[in-house]
Amino acid sequence: MNLRGVTATRPESALIVFARAPEPGRAKTRLVPLLGDEGAAQLHARLVEKTLRTALAAGFDHIDLYCSPGINQPFFMKNKQRFGVGLRSQGTGNLGERMYRALAQALRRHAYAVLIGSDCPALKPADLRAAARALREGYDAVLVPAEDGGYPLIGVRQVSRRLFDGIPWGSPQVLAQTRCRLQALGWRWQELRTLWDVDRPEDVLRLQRSGLLR
């Protein structure tokens, strides 16, 4: 299939948003010493909602919110109604297994898929459109590097377990090892601008100063 000239609003495109329910004591636990259980959960909820607003503004044809631990959480049901997104369960397994499964499911119905997390408020609709454009123009994969050595976005036109198996998720080696896997697969990929996540107490101050979460 020739994907050139296809816009990100056509059925060829799918956007996947990964999110955990904002349960006190289980969401953003590294921020609990600063914000407390309730405060960390509330911040996480706001980050998810901002991510969904960004996703909608990017103009993808289809958006699914992949939920953990499951889709029946009131928070997810509320956002399904508010934003009109589909809800799917992330299921079991480590992060890599869940990401592989979500991308594989999306690629059964769409020519390419982009997956994002929900803790990168610096991500803009333009970044999502740039990722879609790279895939549309023939790249096998696209990444948005994170300052901490991970990535808040990965997009693919095909998917392989080798991209996700054995990756030390949450470590500074995630991006470097993913690059090695892409190279070993012989895939062409593009990297977009480097962004930052909200994971540590110092990131909260940066977030407050940035004005990104209002």
N, C-alpha and C. Protein backbone atom coordinates (compact mmCIF):
# COMPACT_ATOMS: atom_id res chain seq x y z
N MET A 1 0.85 -1.20 0.00
CA MET A 1 0.00 0.00 0.00
C MET A 1 0.88 1.24 0.00
N ASN A 2 0.56 2.17 -0.85
CA ASN A 2 1.29 3.43 -0.90
C ASN A 2 0.68 4.39 0.11
N LEU A 3 1.46 4.74 1.14
CA LEU A 3 0.94 5.59 2.20
C LEU A 3 1.21 7.06 1.98
N ARG A 4 1.91 7.41 0.93
CA ARG A 4 2.21 8.82 0.69
C ARG A 4 0.92 9.56 0.35
N GLY A 5 0.82 10.73 0.95
CA GLY A 5 -0.34 11.55 0.67
C GLY A 5 -1.52 11.26 1.57
N VAL A 6 -1.43 10.23 2.43
CA VAL A 6 -2.50 9.92 3.35
C VAL A 6 -2.39 10.83 4.55
N THR A 7 -3.45 11.46 4.98
CA THR A 7 -3.39 12.37 6.11
C THR A 7 -3.64 11.62 7.39
N ALA A 8 -3.28 12.25 8.52
CA ALA A 8 -3.41 11.59 9.81
C ALA A 8 -4.86 11.46 10.24
N THR A 9 -5.81 12.00 9.47
CA THR A 9 -7.21 11.87 9.83
C THR A 9 -7.87 10.71 9.11
N ARG A 10 -7.14 9.98 8.29
CA ARG A 10 -7.67 8.83 7.56
C ARG A 10 -7.64 7.58 8.43
N PRO A 11 -8.41 6.54 8.07
CA PRO A 11 -8.42 5.33 8.88
C PRO A 11 -7.07 4.64 9.00
N GLU A 12 -6.10 5.02 8.20
CA GLU A 12 -4.78 4.41 8.30
C GLU A 12 -4.11 4.66 9.64
N SER A 13 -4.54 5.67 10.39
CA SER A 13 -3.81 6.06 11.60
C SER A 13 -4.53 5.66 12.88
N ALA A 14 -3.76 5.20 13.84
CA ALA A 14 -4.29 4.88 15.17
C ALA A 14 -3.37 5.49 16.22
N LEU A 15 -3.98 6.03 17.26
CA LEU A 15 -3.23 6.60 18.38
C LEU A 15 -3.63 5.87 19.65
N ILE A 16 -2.63 5.39 20.37
CA ILE A 16 -2.82 4.63 21.60
C ILE A 16 -2.28 5.46 22.76
N VAL A 17 -3.09 5.65 23.79
CA VAL A 17 -2.66 6.34 25.00
C VAL A 17 -2.65 5.34 26.15
N PHE A 18 -1.50 5.15 26.76
CA PHE A 18 -1.37 4.26 27.92
C PHE A 18 -1.56 5.08 29.19
N ALA A 19 -2.40 4.58 30.10
CA ALA A 19 -2.63 5.29 31.36
C ALA A 19 -2.99 4.32 32.47
N ARG A 20 -2.56 4.65 33.66
CA ARG A 20 -2.94 3.93 34.87
C ARG A 20 -4.03 4.73 35.57
N ALA A 21 -4.95 4.04 36.22
CA ALA A 21 -5.97 4.72 37.00
C ALA A 21 -5.33 5.53 38.12
N PRO A 22 -5.84 6.73 38.40
CA PRO A 22 -5.24 7.58 39.45
C PRO A 22 -5.66 7.14 40.85
N GLU A 23 -5.21 5.96 41.26
CA GLU A 23 -5.54 5.44 42.57
C GLU A 23 -4.49 5.89 43.59
N PRO A 24 -4.90 6.54 44.67
CA PRO A 24 -3.93 6.98 45.68
C PRO A 24 -3.08 5.81 46.18
N GLY A 25 -1.78 6.04 46.20
CA GLY A 25 -0.85 5.01 46.65
C GLY A 25 -0.37 4.10 45.54
N ARG A 26 -0.97 4.20 44.34
CA ARG A 26 -0.56 3.35 43.22
C ARG A 26 -0.17 4.16 41.99
N ALA A 27 -0.50 5.43 41.98
CA ALA A 27 -0.18 6.29 40.83
C ALA A 27 0.91 7.28 41.23
N LYS A 28 1.91 7.41 40.35
CA LYS A 28 3.00 8.37 40.57
C LYS A 28 3.60 8.20 41.97
N THR A 29 3.97 6.97 42.30
CA THR A 29 4.43 6.70 43.66
C THR A 29 5.74 7.41 44.00
N ARG A 30 6.55 7.72 42.99
CA ARG A 30 7.80 8.43 43.29
C ARG A 30 7.56 9.87 43.69
N LEU A 31 6.33 10.36 43.46
CA LEU A 31 6.00 11.72 43.85
C LEU A 31 5.29 11.78 45.21
N VAL A 32 5.01 10.62 45.79
CA VAL A 32 4.29 10.58 47.06
C VAL A 32 5.03 11.30 48.18
N PRO A 33 6.37 11.18 48.31
CA PRO A 33 7.05 11.91 49.38
C PRO A 33 6.85 13.43 49.29
N LEU A 34 6.65 13.95 48.08
CA LEU A 34 6.44 15.38 47.90
C LEU A 34 4.98 15.77 48.00
N LEU A 35 4.10 14.99 47.38
CA LEU A 35 2.70 15.38 47.22
C LEU A 35 1.73 14.60 48.08
N GLY A 36 2.17 13.48 48.65
CA GLY A 36 1.25 12.60 49.35
C GLY A 36 0.51 11.70 48.37
N ASP A 37 -0.14 10.67 48.91
CA ASP A 37 -0.84 9.73 48.06
C ASP A 37 -1.91 10.42 47.21
N GLU A 38 -2.75 11.22 47.84
CA GLU A 38 -3.84 11.89 47.14
C GLU A 38 -3.32 12.90 46.13
N GLY A 39 -2.32 13.68 46.53
CA GLY A 39 -1.78 14.70 45.64
C GLY A 39 -1.14 14.10 44.41
N ALA A 40 -0.40 13.01 44.58
CA ALA A 40 0.23 12.35 43.43
C ALA A 40 -0.82 11.79 42.49
N ALA A 41 -1.88 11.20 43.06
CA ALA A 41 -2.95 10.66 42.22
C ALA A 41 -3.68 11.76 41.47
N GLN A 42 -3.93 12.88 42.13
CA GLN A 42 -4.61 14.00 41.47
C GLN A 42 -3.76 14.56 40.33
N LEU A 43 -2.46 14.67 40.55
CA LEU A 43 -1.58 15.16 39.49
C LEU A 43 -1.60 14.19 38.31
N HIS A 44 -1.56 12.90 38.61
CA HIS A 44 -1.60 11.91 37.54
C HIS A 44 -2.89 12.04 36.72
N ALA A 45 -4.01 12.22 37.40
CA ALA A 45 -5.28 12.38 36.69
C ALA A 45 -5.23 13.59 35.75
N ARG A 46 -4.66 14.69 36.21
CA ARG A 46 -4.56 15.88 35.36
C ARG A 46 -3.64 15.64 34.17
N LEU A 47 -2.57 14.89 34.37
CA LEU A 47 -1.66 14.58 33.27
C LEU A 47 -2.35 13.71 32.22
N VAL A 48 -3.14 12.74 32.66
CA VAL A 48 -3.87 11.89 31.70
C VAL A 48 -4.85 12.73 30.90
N GLU A 49 -5.57 13.61 31.56
CA GLU A 49 -6.55 14.44 30.87
C GLU A 49 -5.87 15.38 29.88
N LYS A 50 -4.72 15.93 30.25
CA LYS A 50 -4.00 16.78 29.30
C LYS A 50 -3.53 15.96 28.10
N THR A 51 -3.07 14.76 28.35
CA THR A 51 -2.62 13.90 27.25
C THR A 51 -3.76 13.61 26.30
N LEU A 52 -4.95 13.38 26.82
CA LEU A 52 -6.10 13.11 25.96
C LEU A 52 -6.49 14.35 25.16
N ARG A 53 -6.38 15.52 25.74
CA ARG A 53 -6.65 16.74 24.98
C ARG A 53 -5.64 16.90 23.84
N THR A 54 -4.39 16.62 24.13
CA THR A 54 -3.35 16.68 23.10
C THR A 54 -3.63 15.66 22.00
N ALA A 55 -4.02 14.46 22.40
CA ALA A 55 -4.32 13.41 21.42
C ALA A 55 -5.45 13.83 20.50
N LEU A 56 -6.52 14.37 21.05
CA LEU A 56 -7.65 14.79 20.23
C LEU A 56 -7.27 15.89 19.26
N ALA A 57 -6.42 16.81 19.70
CA ALA A 57 -6.03 17.93 18.86
C ALA A 57 -5.13 17.53 17.70
N ALA A 58 -4.54 16.32 17.77
CA ALA A 58 -3.60 15.90 16.72
C ALA A 58 -4.29 15.44 15.45
N GLY A 59 -5.58 15.11 15.52
CA GLY A 59 -6.32 14.80 14.30
C GLY A 59 -6.23 13.36 13.83
N PHE A 60 -5.88 12.42 14.70
CA PHE A 60 -5.87 11.02 14.31
C PHE A 60 -7.29 10.52 14.10
N ASP A 61 -7.42 9.52 13.25
CA ASP A 61 -8.74 8.97 12.98
C ASP A 61 -9.29 8.23 14.18
N HIS A 62 -8.45 7.47 14.85
CA HIS A 62 -8.94 6.63 15.94
C HIS A 62 -8.01 6.74 17.13
N ILE A 63 -8.60 6.90 18.32
CA ILE A 63 -7.82 6.99 19.56
C ILE A 63 -8.38 5.98 20.55
N ASP A 64 -7.49 5.18 21.12
CA ASP A 64 -7.86 4.25 22.18
C ASP A 64 -7.07 4.58 23.43
N LEU A 65 -7.77 4.61 24.56
CA LEU A 65 -7.13 4.74 25.86
C LEU A 65 -6.96 3.34 26.43
N TYR A 66 -5.72 2.91 26.54
CA TYR A 66 -5.41 1.59 27.08
C TYR A 66 -5.21 1.72 28.59
N CYS A 67 -6.07 1.04 29.33
CA CYS A 67 -6.23 1.29 30.76
C CYS A 67 -5.57 0.22 31.62
N SER A 68 -5.07 0.64 32.76
CA SER A 68 -4.55 -0.27 33.77
C SER A 68 -5.08 0.21 35.13
N PRO A 69 -5.63 -0.67 35.96
CA PRO A 69 -5.67 -2.13 35.80
C PRO A 69 -6.79 -2.64 34.91
N GLY A 70 -7.79 -1.83 34.57
CA GLY A 70 -8.89 -2.30 33.72
C GLY A 70 -9.76 -1.13 33.31
N ILE A 71 -10.68 -1.39 32.40
CA ILE A 71 -11.47 -0.29 31.82
C ILE A 71 -12.63 0.14 32.69
N ASN A 72 -12.96 -0.60 33.73
CA ASN A 72 -14.17 -0.31 34.51
C ASN A 72 -13.96 0.72 35.61
N GLN A 73 -12.79 1.30 35.68
CA GLN A 73 -12.54 2.37 36.65
C GLN A 73 -13.39 3.59 36.31
N PRO A 74 -14.03 4.22 37.31
CA PRO A 74 -14.85 5.41 37.03
C PRO A 74 -14.09 6.50 36.29
N PHE A 75 -12.79 6.66 36.59
CA PHE A 75 -11.99 7.69 35.92
C PHE A 75 -11.95 7.45 34.41
N PHE A 76 -11.77 6.20 34.01
CA PHE A 76 -11.70 5.90 32.59
C PHE A 76 -13.06 6.05 31.92
N MET A 77 -14.12 5.62 32.58
CA MET A 77 -15.45 5.76 32.01
C MET A 77 -15.80 7.23 31.82
N LYS A 78 -15.42 8.06 32.78
CA LYS A 78 -15.69 9.50 32.67
C LYS A 78 -14.96 10.09 31.47
N ASN A 79 -13.72 9.69 31.27
CA ASN A 79 -12.96 10.26 30.17
C ASN A 79 -13.37 9.69 28.82
N LYS A 80 -13.91 8.49 28.80
CA LYS A 80 -14.49 7.98 27.56
C LYS A 80 -15.64 8.87 27.12
N GLN A 81 -16.50 9.23 28.04
CA GLN A 81 -17.62 10.10 27.72
C GLN A 81 -17.15 11.51 27.38
N ARG A 82 -16.18 12.00 28.10
CA ARG A 82 -15.72 13.38 27.92
C ARG A 82 -14.98 13.57 26.60
N PHE A 83 -14.14 12.60 26.24
CA PHE A 83 -13.28 12.76 25.07
C PHE A 83 -13.68 11.90 23.87
N GLY A 84 -14.60 10.96 24.07
CA GLY A 84 -15.03 10.13 22.97
C GLY A 84 -14.00 9.12 22.49
N VAL A 85 -13.13 8.68 23.38
CA VAL A 85 -12.10 7.71 23.01
C VAL A 85 -12.59 6.30 23.30
N GLY A 86 -11.98 5.32 22.63
CA GLY A 86 -12.25 3.93 22.97
C GLY A 86 -11.48 3.52 24.20
N LEU A 87 -11.99 2.54 24.90
CA LEU A 87 -11.30 2.01 26.09
C LEU A 87 -10.91 0.56 25.84
N ARG A 88 -9.66 0.24 26.14
CA ARG A 88 -9.17 -1.13 26.07
C ARG A 88 -8.30 -1.38 27.29
N SER A 89 -8.28 -2.61 27.72
CA SER A 89 -7.45 -2.99 28.85
C SER A 89 -6.02 -3.26 28.39
N GLN A 90 -5.05 -2.80 29.18
CA GLN A 90 -3.66 -3.12 28.88
C GLN A 90 -3.38 -4.60 29.09
N GLY A 91 -4.15 -5.25 29.95
CA GLY A 91 -3.93 -6.66 30.21
C GLY A 91 -2.75 -6.89 31.14
N THR A 92 -2.26 -8.11 31.12
CA THR A 92 -1.20 -8.51 32.04
C THR A 92 0.16 -8.42 31.37
N GLY A 93 1.20 -8.64 32.18
CA GLY A 93 2.56 -8.63 31.66
C GLY A 93 3.28 -7.34 31.97
N ASN A 94 4.58 -7.33 31.67
CA ASN A 94 5.37 -6.12 31.90
C ASN A 94 5.04 -5.07 30.85
N LEU A 95 5.62 -3.89 30.99
CA LEU A 95 5.28 -2.79 30.10
C LEU A 95 5.54 -3.15 28.64
N GLY A 96 6.65 -3.81 28.36
CA GLY A 96 6.97 -4.17 26.99
C GLY A 96 5.95 -5.11 26.39
N GLU A 97 5.52 -6.10 27.17
CA GLU A 97 4.51 -7.04 26.68
C GLU A 97 3.20 -6.33 26.38
N ARG A 98 2.83 -5.41 27.24
CA ARG A 98 1.57 -4.69 27.04
C ARG A 98 1.65 -3.74 25.84
N MET A 99 2.79 -3.09 25.66
CA MET A 99 2.96 -2.20 24.51
C MET A 99 2.94 -2.98 23.21
N TYR A 100 3.65 -4.11 23.18
CA TYR A 100 3.66 -4.94 21.98
C TYR A 100 2.25 -5.38 21.61
N ARG A 101 1.50 -5.82 22.60
CA ARG A 101 0.15 -6.31 22.36
C ARG A 101 -0.75 -5.19 21.83
N ALA A 102 -0.65 -4.00 22.41
CA ALA A 102 -1.49 -2.88 21.97
C ALA A 102 -1.17 -2.47 20.53
N LEU A 103 0.12 -2.41 20.20
CA LEU A 103 0.50 -2.03 18.84
C LEU A 103 0.09 -3.10 17.83
N ALA A 104 0.27 -4.35 18.21
CA ALA A 104 -0.13 -5.43 17.30
C ALA A 104 -1.63 -5.39 17.03
N GLN A 105 -2.42 -5.12 18.07
CA GLN A 105 -3.87 -5.02 17.89
C GLN A 105 -4.22 -3.86 16.95
N ALA A 106 -3.57 -2.72 17.14
CA ALA A 106 -3.88 -1.55 16.31
C ALA A 106 -3.49 -1.79 14.86
N LEU A 107 -2.38 -2.47 14.62
CA LEU A 107 -1.91 -2.68 13.26
C LEU A 107 -2.75 -3.70 12.49
N ARG A 108 -3.61 -4.42 13.18
CA ARG A 108 -4.55 -5.28 12.46
C ARG A 108 -5.62 -4.45 11.75
N ARG A 109 -5.83 -3.23 12.23
CA ARG A 109 -6.91 -2.40 11.70
C ARG A 109 -6.40 -1.14 11.01
N HIS A 110 -5.15 -0.81 11.20
CA HIS A 110 -4.61 0.45 10.69
C HIS A 110 -3.23 0.22 10.08
N ALA A 111 -2.85 1.09 9.17
CA ALA A 111 -1.55 0.95 8.49
C ALA A 111 -0.40 1.33 9.40
N TYR A 112 -0.62 2.21 10.35
CA TYR A 112 0.42 2.57 11.31
C TYR A 112 -0.21 3.00 12.62
N ALA A 113 0.57 2.90 13.69
CA ALA A 113 0.07 3.21 15.02
C ALA A 113 1.13 3.96 15.81
N VAL A 114 0.67 4.90 16.61
CA VAL A 114 1.53 5.67 17.50
C VAL A 114 1.05 5.43 18.92
N LEU A 115 2.00 5.14 19.82
CA LEU A 115 1.68 4.88 21.22
C LEU A 115 2.39 5.90 22.09
N ILE A 116 1.64 6.49 23.02
CA ILE A 116 2.22 7.49 23.93
C ILE A 116 1.85 7.14 25.37
N GLY A 117 2.68 7.61 26.29
CA GLY A 117 2.37 7.52 27.70
C GLY A 117 1.55 8.74 28.12
N SER A 118 1.34 8.87 29.41
CA SER A 118 0.49 9.96 29.90
C SER A 118 1.20 10.86 30.89
N ASP A 119 2.54 10.84 30.89
CA ASP A 119 3.28 11.66 31.86
C ASP A 119 4.27 12.61 31.18
N CYS A 120 3.94 13.01 29.94
CA CYS A 120 4.82 13.92 29.21
C CYS A 120 4.01 15.13 28.76
N PRO A 121 3.81 16.11 29.66
CA PRO A 121 2.98 17.27 29.31
C PRO A 121 3.59 18.16 28.23
N ALA A 122 4.88 18.02 27.97
CA ALA A 122 5.51 18.82 26.92
C ALA A 122 5.17 18.32 25.51
N LEU A 123 4.60 17.13 25.41
CA LEU A 123 4.22 16.59 24.11
C LEU A 123 3.08 17.42 23.52
N LYS A 124 3.23 17.81 22.28
CA LYS A 124 2.25 18.67 21.61
C LYS A 124 1.58 17.94 20.45
N PRO A 125 0.41 18.44 20.03
CA PRO A 125 -0.22 17.85 18.85
C PRO A 125 0.71 17.82 17.64
N ALA A 126 1.56 18.83 17.51
CA ALA A 126 2.50 18.88 16.39
C ALA A 126 3.48 17.71 16.43
N ASP A 127 3.85 17.27 17.64
CA ASP A 127 4.74 16.12 17.76
C ASP A 127 4.05 14.85 17.27
N LEU A 128 2.78 14.71 17.61
CA LEU A 128 2.02 13.54 17.16
C LEU A 128 1.84 13.57 15.65
N ARG A 129 1.58 14.73 15.10
CA ARG A 129 1.43 14.83 13.64
C ARG A 129 2.76 14.55 12.95
N ALA A 130 3.86 14.99 13.55
CA ALA A 130 5.18 14.71 12.96
C ALA A 130 5.47 13.21 12.98
N ALA A 131 5.06 12.53 14.05
CA ALA A 131 5.26 11.09 14.12
C ALA A 131 4.45 10.39 13.03
N ALA A 132 3.20 10.80 12.86
CA ALA A 132 2.36 10.22 11.81
C ALA A 132 2.95 10.47 10.43
N ARG A 133 3.48 11.67 10.25
CA ARG A 133 4.06 12.01 8.94
C ARG A 133 5.27 11.13 8.63
N ALA A 134 6.11 10.89 9.63
CA ALA A 134 7.29 10.04 9.41
C ALA A 134 6.88 8.63 8.97
N LEU A 135 5.87 8.09 9.62
CA LEU A 135 5.40 6.75 9.26
C LEU A 135 4.74 6.75 7.89
N ARG A 136 4.01 7.79 7.62
CA ARG A 136 3.33 7.90 6.33
C ARG A 136 4.34 7.99 5.19
N GLU A 137 5.47 8.59 5.46
CA GLU A 137 6.49 8.79 4.42
C GLU A 137 7.43 7.60 4.27
N GLY A 138 7.20 6.54 5.05
CA GLY A 138 7.93 5.31 4.80
C GLY A 138 8.85 4.83 5.89
N TYR A 139 9.04 5.59 6.97
CA TYR A 139 9.85 5.09 8.07
C TYR A 139 9.14 3.92 8.74
N ASP A 140 9.91 2.94 9.17
CA ASP A 140 9.33 1.79 9.86
C ASP A 140 8.93 2.13 11.28
N ALA A 141 9.63 3.08 11.89
CA ALA A 141 9.36 3.44 13.28
C ALA A 141 9.73 4.90 13.50
N VAL A 142 9.19 5.45 14.58
CA VAL A 142 9.51 6.81 14.98
C VAL A 142 9.54 6.84 16.50
N LEU A 143 10.45 7.63 17.05
CA LEU A 143 10.62 7.75 18.50
C LEU A 143 10.70 9.21 18.90
N VAL A 144 10.19 9.51 20.09
CA VAL A 144 10.46 10.78 20.75
C VAL A 144 11.35 10.47 21.94
N PRO A 145 12.63 10.86 21.90
CA PRO A 145 13.51 10.59 23.04
C PRO A 145 13.09 11.39 24.28
N ALA A 146 13.36 10.82 25.44
CA ALA A 146 13.15 11.53 26.70
C ALA A 146 14.49 11.85 27.34
N GLU A 147 14.52 12.92 28.09
CA GLU A 147 15.77 13.34 28.73
C GLU A 147 16.31 12.28 29.70
N ASP A 148 15.41 11.46 30.25
CA ASP A 148 15.85 10.47 31.24
C ASP A 148 16.31 9.15 30.62
N GLY A 149 16.38 9.09 29.27
CA GLY A 149 16.86 7.89 28.62
C GLY A 149 15.78 6.94 28.16
N GLY A 150 14.52 7.32 28.34
CA GLY A 150 13.41 6.52 27.84
C GLY A 150 12.82 7.16 26.59
N TYR A 151 11.56 6.87 26.37
CA TYR A 151 10.84 7.56 25.28
C TYR A 151 9.35 7.65 25.62
N PRO A 152 8.73 8.82 25.44
CA PRO A 152 7.30 8.97 25.68
C PRO A 152 6.44 8.63 24.47
N LEU A 153 7.04 8.36 23.34
CA LEU A 153 6.29 8.05 22.12
C LEU A 153 7.07 7.06 21.26
N ILE A 154 6.35 6.07 20.77
CA ILE A 154 6.88 5.18 19.74
C ILE A 154 5.78 4.96 18.72
N GLY A 155 6.14 5.02 17.46
CA GLY A 155 5.20 4.75 16.38
C GLY A 155 5.80 3.73 15.44
N VAL A 156 4.95 2.88 14.87
CA VAL A 156 5.45 1.81 14.00
C VAL A 156 4.47 1.54 12.86
N ARG A 157 5.02 1.01 11.76
CA ARG A 157 4.20 0.49 10.67
C ARG A 157 4.18 -1.03 10.69
N GLN A 158 5.05 -1.62 11.46
CA GLN A 158 5.09 -3.06 11.72
C GLN A 158 5.59 -3.21 13.15
N VAL A 159 5.43 -4.38 13.72
CA VAL A 159 5.84 -4.53 15.11
C VAL A 159 6.53 -5.87 15.30
N SER A 160 7.52 -5.87 16.17
CA SER A 160 8.28 -7.08 16.50
C SER A 160 8.46 -7.15 18.01
N ARG A 161 8.35 -8.34 18.56
CA ARG A 161 8.59 -8.52 19.99
C ARG A 161 10.01 -8.12 20.37
N ARG A 162 10.93 -8.19 19.41
CA ARG A 162 12.33 -7.87 19.71
C ARG A 162 12.51 -6.41 20.15
N LEU A 163 11.56 -5.55 19.80
CA LEU A 163 11.64 -4.16 20.24
C LEU A 163 11.38 -4.01 21.74
N PHE A 164 10.73 -5.01 22.34
CA PHE A 164 10.24 -4.85 23.70
C PHE A 164 10.73 -5.91 24.68
N ASP A 165 11.12 -7.08 24.19
CA ASP A 165 11.54 -8.15 25.10
C ASP A 165 12.88 -7.83 25.75
N GLY A 166 12.94 -7.97 27.07
CA GLY A 166 14.20 -7.82 27.77
C GLY A 166 14.68 -6.39 27.95
N ILE A 167 13.85 -5.41 27.62
CA ILE A 167 14.23 -4.01 27.84
C ILE A 167 14.08 -3.68 29.33
N PRO A 168 15.06 -3.01 29.94
CA PRO A 168 14.97 -2.67 31.37
C PRO A 168 14.09 -1.42 31.58
N TRP A 169 12.79 -1.62 31.52
CA TRP A 169 11.85 -0.51 31.59
C TRP A 169 12.05 0.31 32.87
N GLY A 170 12.00 1.64 32.71
CA GLY A 170 12.21 2.54 33.83
C GLY A 170 13.66 2.90 34.07
N SER A 171 14.56 2.35 33.26
CA SER A 171 15.99 2.64 33.42
C SER A 171 16.45 3.64 32.36
N PRO A 172 17.64 4.22 32.53
CA PRO A 172 18.16 5.16 31.53
C PRO A 172 18.62 4.48 30.23
N GLN A 173 18.56 3.15 30.17
CA GLN A 173 19.03 2.42 29.00
C GLN A 173 17.93 2.10 27.98
N VAL A 174 16.71 2.49 28.28
CA VAL A 174 15.58 2.08 27.42
C VAL A 174 15.76 2.56 25.98
N LEU A 175 16.03 3.83 25.80
CA LEU A 175 16.15 4.37 24.45
C LEU A 175 17.34 3.78 23.72
N ALA A 176 18.48 3.69 24.39
CA ALA A 176 19.69 3.16 23.75
C ALA A 176 19.48 1.72 23.31
N GLN A 177 18.86 0.93 24.16
CA GLN A 177 18.64 -0.47 23.78
C GLN A 177 17.60 -0.59 22.68
N THR A 178 16.61 0.30 22.68
CA THR A 178 15.61 0.27 21.60
C THR A 178 16.26 0.63 20.27
N ARG A 179 17.16 1.59 20.28
CA ARG A 179 17.89 1.91 19.05
C ARG A 179 18.66 0.70 18.53
N CYS A 180 19.30 -0.02 19.44
CA CYS A 180 20.04 -1.21 19.03
C CYS A 180 19.12 -2.25 18.42
N ARG A 181 17.93 -2.41 19.00
CA ARG A 181 16.98 -3.38 18.47
C ARG A 181 16.50 -2.95 17.07
N LEU A 182 16.23 -1.69 16.90
CA LEU A 182 15.79 -1.19 15.59
C LEU A 182 16.87 -1.42 14.54
N GLN A 183 18.11 -1.17 14.93
CA GLN A 183 19.23 -1.39 14.01
C GLN A 183 19.37 -2.86 13.65
N ALA A 184 19.22 -3.73 14.65
CA ALA A 184 19.33 -5.16 14.40
C ALA A 184 18.21 -5.67 13.50
N LEU A 185 17.04 -5.06 13.60
CA LEU A 185 15.92 -5.44 12.75
C LEU A 185 16.08 -4.92 11.32
N GLY A 186 16.99 -3.98 11.13
CA GLY A 186 17.18 -3.39 9.82
C GLY A 186 16.11 -2.38 9.46
N TRP A 187 15.48 -1.80 10.48
CA TRP A 187 14.40 -0.84 10.24
C TRP A 187 14.95 0.57 10.10
N ARG A 188 14.28 1.35 9.29
CA ARG A 188 14.54 2.80 9.21
C ARG A 188 13.66 3.49 10.23
N TRP A 189 14.28 4.36 11.05
CA TRP A 189 13.46 5.08 12.02
C TRP A 189 13.89 6.54 12.08
N GLN A 190 12.98 7.34 12.58
CA GLN A 190 13.23 8.77 12.75
C GLN A 190 13.03 9.13 14.22
N GLU A 191 13.89 10.02 14.72
CA GLU A 191 13.73 10.52 16.08
C GLU A 191 13.34 12.00 16.03
N LEU A 192 12.36 12.35 16.83
CA LEU A 192 11.86 13.72 16.89
C LEU A 192 12.52 14.45 18.07
N ARG A 193 12.02 15.60 18.42
CA ARG A 193 12.66 16.40 19.46
C ARG A 193 12.60 15.70 20.81
N THR A 194 13.61 15.94 21.63
CA THR A 194 13.71 15.33 22.95
C THR A 194 12.81 16.08 23.93
N LEU A 195 12.06 15.31 24.74
CA LEU A 195 11.13 15.90 25.70
C LEU A 195 11.44 15.38 27.11
N TRP A 196 10.64 15.78 28.07
CA TRP A 196 10.86 15.37 29.45
C TRP A 196 9.55 14.87 30.07
N ASP A 197 9.70 13.93 30.99
CA ASP A 197 8.56 13.32 31.69
C ASP A 197 8.43 13.91 33.09
N VAL A 198 7.28 13.67 33.70
CA VAL A 198 7.07 14.02 35.10
C VAL A 198 7.11 12.72 35.90
N ASP A 199 8.28 12.42 36.44
CA ASP A 199 8.49 11.18 37.19
C ASP A 199 9.04 11.41 38.59
N ARG A 200 9.82 12.49 38.75
CA ARG A 200 10.54 12.70 40.00
C ARG A 200 10.07 13.99 40.66
N PRO A 201 10.32 14.16 41.96
CA PRO A 201 9.91 15.40 42.63
C PRO A 201 10.42 16.66 41.94
N GLU A 202 11.65 16.63 41.42
CA GLU A 202 12.17 17.83 40.75
C GLU A 202 11.41 18.14 39.47
N ASP A 203 10.78 17.13 38.88
CA ASP A 203 9.99 17.36 37.67
C ASP A 203 8.71 18.13 37.98
N VAL A 204 8.21 18.00 39.20
CA VAL A 204 6.99 18.72 39.59
C VAL A 204 7.26 20.22 39.59
N LEU A 205 8.40 20.64 40.14
CA LEU A 205 8.76 22.06 40.12
C LEU A 205 8.92 22.55 38.69
N ARG A 206 9.54 21.75 37.86
CA ARG A 206 9.69 22.12 36.45
C ARG A 206 8.32 22.27 35.79
N LEU A 207 7.43 21.37 36.11
CA LEU A 207 6.07 21.44 35.57
C LEU A 207 5.36 22.71 36.01
N GLN A 208 5.51 23.05 37.28
CA GLN A 208 4.87 24.26 37.80
C GLN A 208 5.40 25.51 37.10
N ARG A 209 6.70 25.53 36.85
CA ARG A 209 7.30 26.69 36.20
C ARG A 209 6.95 26.76 34.71
N SER A 210 6.69 25.60 34.11
CA SER A 210 6.46 25.55 32.66
C SER A 210 5.10 26.12 32.25
N GLY A 211 4.13 26.06 33.14
CA GLY A 211 2.79 26.50 32.78
C GLY A 211 2.07 25.56 31.84
N LEU A 212 2.60 24.34 31.66
CA LEU A 212 2.01 23.39 30.71
C LEU A 212 0.73 22.76 31.23
N LEU A 213 0.56 22.74 32.55
CA LEU A 213 -0.60 22.09 33.14
C LEU A 213 -1.42 23.12 33.90
N ARG A 214 -2.45 23.61 33.25
CA ARG A 214 -3.26 24.68 33.84
C ARG A 214 -4.65 24.16 34.17
